[in-house]
Amino acid sequence: MSLDALRAEALGCTLCPLSARRTHVVFGEGNPTSPLVLVGEGPGEQEDRTGRPFVGRAGQLLDQALLANGLTREQVYICNTVKCRAADWSTGKPVNRAPTEDEARACRRWLVPQLATIRPMVILCVGAPSARNLIRKDFKITQERGKYFPCEHARTAIATLHPAYVLRQQSATNDGGYGLLVSDIARAWETARKLLERRAGKPERAEDGVVQPTLF
């Protein structure tokens, strides 16, 4: 199934209760032939309103981190583990929350074929929930970010801090982990690019040793 056909089906999804209050399904966007896919947790208020991933304050910081690596979102593909906003409505005003295991499991109906269609070299899990969905259930983001892990949906996966977390940690004297986010994106992109060259049969340069051969 093509990505467009999959998106069209996902727009009508009612597999979990999140569909009842959504404004838009946030399927994903970017370059569907990119060797790098960034997978976040789920859409927030601005994403639900626009139907686009990572467009709020956290998204603006992610764009800034991409730009620091000479990249734009048109060069990568960006999506989330769940396609509808997860929020607590108990007070009448929605407050973002992490998706439940059942919600994440239901949305794999869309995430798994989405990744299978794109066939990325590298998946960059943005935040702990994404890493726990795609790498390992007990993933520890502060200890294991930036490292290579096996992944059934790509040649390898790397995790990084979520921009929303970085924003919460930032202060006048602390970048909140922004430098780590930038460096993890750099590592993921360089690895993806080199793996793509290897698949195309291009000769490797000496500096290509940055890719750990035991993983590939």
Protein backbone atom coordinates (compact mmCIF):
# COMPACT_ATOMS: atom_id res chain seq x y z
CA MET A 1 0.00 0.00 0.00
CA SER A 2 1.28 3.47 -0.84
CA LEU A 3 1.83 6.08 1.86
CA ASP A 4 -1.00 8.19 0.43
CA ALA A 5 -3.41 5.25 0.50
CA LEU A 6 -2.38 4.41 4.06
CA ARG A 7 -2.91 8.02 5.10
CA ALA A 8 -6.36 8.04 3.51
CA GLU A 9 -7.36 4.97 5.55
CA ALA A 10 -5.85 6.37 8.76
CA LEU A 11 -7.92 9.56 8.47
CA GLY A 12 -11.03 7.52 9.20
CA CYS A 13 -9.57 5.42 12.01
CA THR A 14 -11.75 4.64 15.05
CA LEU A 15 -9.64 1.84 16.53
CA CYS A 16 -9.25 3.53 19.91
CA PRO A 17 -11.11 6.16 21.99
CA LEU A 18 -8.67 8.93 20.99
CA SER A 19 -10.58 9.25 17.73
CA ALA A 20 -13.67 10.56 19.53
CA ARG A 21 -12.20 13.95 20.44
CA ARG A 22 -9.59 14.54 17.76
CA THR A 23 -9.72 17.44 15.35
CA HIS A 24 -7.28 15.92 12.86
CA VAL A 25 -5.38 12.68 12.42
CA VAL A 26 -1.69 13.67 12.43
CA PHE A 27 -0.30 11.07 10.05
CA GLY A 28 3.17 12.45 9.29
CA GLU A 29 5.03 14.60 6.80
CA GLY A 30 8.35 15.14 5.09
CA ASN A 31 10.38 13.20 2.55
CA PRO A 32 9.00 9.65 2.22
CA THR A 33 12.27 8.54 0.56
CA SER A 34 14.49 9.88 3.34
CA PRO A 35 16.88 7.44 5.02
CA LEU A 36 15.96 9.00 8.39
CA VAL A 37 12.57 8.96 10.12
CA LEU A 38 11.95 10.85 13.36
CA VAL A 39 9.22 9.25 15.48
CA GLY A 40 7.78 11.22 18.39
CA GLU A 41 5.19 10.33 21.01
CA GLY A 42 1.98 11.89 19.76
CA PRO A 43 0.35 15.13 18.65
CA GLY A 44 -0.40 17.96 21.06
CA GLU A 45 -2.86 20.82 20.82
CA GLN A 46 -1.27 22.63 17.88
CA GLU A 47 -0.67 19.39 15.99
CA ASP A 48 -4.28 18.30 16.51
CA ARG A 49 -5.46 21.68 15.26
CA THR A 50 -3.28 21.72 12.13
CA GLY A 51 -2.93 18.02 11.32
CA ARG A 52 0.87 18.40 11.18
CA PRO A 53 3.48 16.84 13.52
CA PHE A 54 5.76 18.96 15.71
CA VAL A 55 4.43 22.45 14.98
CA GLY A 56 4.12 23.84 18.52
CA ARG A 57 6.95 25.20 20.67
CA ALA A 58 8.60 21.78 20.82
CA GLY A 59 8.34 21.52 17.05
CA GLN A 60 9.96 24.91 16.60
CA LEU A 61 12.87 23.74 18.76
CA LEU A 62 13.11 20.55 16.71
CA ASP A 63 13.25 22.63 13.52
CA GLN A 64 16.02 24.68 15.10
CA ALA A 65 17.99 21.53 15.98
CA LEU A 66 17.55 20.21 12.44
CA LEU A 67 18.73 23.53 11.02
CA ALA A 68 21.81 23.39 13.27
CA ASN A 69 22.70 20.26 11.28
CA GLY A 70 21.98 21.88 7.92
CA LEU A 71 18.68 20.03 7.64
CA THR A 72 15.03 20.94 7.18
CA ARG A 73 11.99 18.79 7.78
CA GLU A 74 11.69 18.41 4.00
CA GLN A 75 14.84 16.23 4.09
CA VAL A 76 13.58 13.81 6.74
CA TYR A 77 10.24 12.20 7.55
CA ILE A 78 8.49 13.04 10.83
CA CYS A 79 5.64 11.12 12.47
CA ASN A 80 4.44 9.91 15.88
CA THR A 81 3.70 6.60 17.58
CA VAL A 82 0.04 7.62 17.88
CA LYS A 83 -1.74 9.72 15.28
CA CYS A 84 -4.40 11.35 17.50
CA ARG A 85 -3.96 13.64 20.49
CA ALA A 86 -3.94 11.92 23.86
CA ALA A 87 -5.38 14.25 26.50
CA ASP A 88 -7.02 14.19 29.90
CA TRP A 89 -10.46 15.81 29.64
CA SER A 90 -11.51 15.24 33.26
CA THR A 91 -11.50 18.96 34.12
CA GLY A 92 -13.26 19.97 30.92
CA LYS A 93 -10.07 21.50 29.50
CA PRO A 94 -7.79 19.02 27.70
CA VAL A 95 -4.33 18.45 29.18
CA ASN A 96 -1.82 16.47 27.14
CA ARG A 97 -0.89 13.05 28.53
CA ALA A 98 1.15 10.07 27.40
CA PRO A 99 -0.78 7.57 25.28
CA THR A 100 -1.70 4.33 27.02
CA GLU A 101 -0.26 0.99 25.95
CA ASP A 102 -3.62 0.07 24.40
CA GLU A 103 -3.68 3.33 22.40
CA ALA A 104 -0.11 2.86 21.20
CA ARG A 105 -0.85 -0.76 20.31
CA ALA A 106 -3.92 0.22 18.29
CA CYS A 107 -1.96 2.85 16.39
CA ARG A 108 0.68 0.34 15.33
CA ARG A 109 -1.94 -0.52 12.70
CA TRP A 110 -0.72 2.67 11.00
CA LEU A 111 2.82 3.14 12.29
CA VAL A 112 4.20 -0.25 11.27
CA PRO A 113 3.09 -0.14 7.60
CA GLN A 114 4.05 3.54 7.49
CA LEU A 115 7.64 2.65 8.42
CA ALA A 116 7.58 -0.41 6.16
CA THR A 117 6.64 1.77 3.21
CA ILE A 118 9.34 4.38 3.89
CA ARG A 119 12.02 1.76 4.68
CA PRO A 120 14.34 4.12 6.59
CA MET A 121 17.96 3.31 7.31
CA VAL A 122 17.68 4.89 10.76
CA ILE A 123 14.80 5.70 13.09
CA LEU A 124 15.41 8.51 15.57
CA CYS A 125 13.04 7.99 18.51
CA VAL A 126 12.21 11.45 19.86
CA GLY A 127 11.55 10.97 23.55
CA ALA A 128 11.29 8.00 25.90
CA PRO A 129 7.74 6.86 24.94
CA SER A 130 8.79 6.46 21.30
CA ALA A 131 11.93 4.56 22.32
CA ARG A 132 9.88 2.28 24.57
CA ASN A 133 7.52 1.61 21.67
CA LEU A 134 10.17 0.91 19.03
CA ILE A 135 13.37 -0.12 20.84
CA ARG A 136 12.67 -1.66 24.26
CA LYS A 137 9.89 -1.35 26.83
CA ASP A 138 12.27 -0.46 29.68
CA PHE A 139 14.33 2.03 27.66
CA LYS A 140 16.08 4.66 29.83
CA ILE A 141 16.34 7.84 27.78
CA THR A 142 18.87 9.70 29.95
CA GLN A 143 21.24 6.71 30.03
CA GLU A 144 20.76 5.26 26.55
CA ARG A 145 20.12 8.20 24.23
CA GLY A 146 22.54 8.56 21.34
CA LYS A 147 23.38 4.84 21.18
CA TYR A 148 22.65 2.36 18.41
CA PHE A 149 19.98 -0.27 18.99
CA PRO A 150 18.57 -3.03 16.78
CA CYS A 151 15.14 -2.24 15.35
CA GLU A 152 12.80 -4.34 13.25
CA HIS A 153 11.65 -1.30 11.25
CA ALA A 154 15.06 0.08 10.20
CA ARG A 155 18.71 -0.90 10.06
CA THR A 156 19.14 0.70 13.47
CA ALA A 157 17.43 3.04 15.92
CA ILE A 158 18.75 5.88 18.05
CA ALA A 159 16.85 7.81 20.72
CA THR A 160 17.11 11.44 21.72
CA LEU A 161 15.55 13.82 24.22
CA HIS A 162 12.13 15.18 23.36
CA PRO A 163 12.20 18.93 22.57
CA ALA A 164 9.37 19.47 25.07
CA TYR A 165 11.61 18.01 27.80
CA VAL A 166 14.46 20.27 26.68
CA LEU A 167 12.19 23.32 26.90
CA ARG A 168 11.16 22.40 30.44
CA GLN A 169 14.79 22.01 31.53
CA GLN A 170 16.18 25.15 29.92
CA SER A 171 17.27 28.10 32.02
CA ALA A 172 19.56 31.11 31.68
CA THR A 173 22.54 28.89 32.53
CA ASN A 174 21.43 25.51 31.15
CA ASP A 175 20.56 24.56 27.58
CA GLY A 176 18.30 21.82 28.95
CA GLY A 177 19.89 19.18 26.75
CA TYR A 178 19.52 21.08 23.48
CA GLY A 179 23.14 20.33 22.58
CA LEU A 180 22.45 16.62 23.06
CA LEU A 181 19.41 16.84 20.79
CA VAL A 182 21.51 18.50 18.09
CA SER A 183 24.31 15.94 18.39
CA ASP A 184 21.89 12.99 18.33
CA ILE A 185 20.28 14.31 15.15
CA ALA A 186 23.75 14.69 13.64
CA ARG A 187 24.63 11.10 14.54
CA ALA A 188 21.35 9.73 13.21
CA TRP A 189 21.58 11.65 9.92
CA GLU A 190 25.23 10.77 9.30
CA THR A 191 24.58 7.10 10.02
CA ALA A 192 21.50 7.07 7.77
CA ARG A 193 23.38 8.75 4.94
CA LYS A 194 26.30 6.35 5.14
CA LEU A 195 24.07 3.30 5.30
CA LEU A 196 22.20 4.56 2.24
CA GLU A 197 25.49 4.97 0.38
CA ARG A 198 26.51 1.48 1.41
CA ARG A 199 23.23 0.06 0.09
CA ALA A 200 23.80 1.90 -3.19
CA GLY A 201 27.25 0.33 -3.45
CA LYS A 202 29.22 3.55 -3.17
CA PRO A 203 32.78 3.21 -1.83
CA GLU A 204 33.17 4.14 1.80
CA ARG A 205 35.59 6.83 2.95
CA ALA A 206 37.96 6.39 5.88
CA GLU A 207 35.83 8.56 8.15
CA ASP A 208 32.87 6.23 7.62
CA GLY A 209 34.20 4.23 10.56
CA VAL A 210 31.78 6.17 12.75
CA VAL A 211 29.15 3.53 11.88
CA GLN A 212 29.57 0.62 14.26
CA PRO A 213 30.09 -2.45 12.06
CA THR A 214 28.76 -4.85 14.69
CA LEU A 215 25.31 -3.28 14.28
CA PHE A 216 25.20 -3.53 10.54
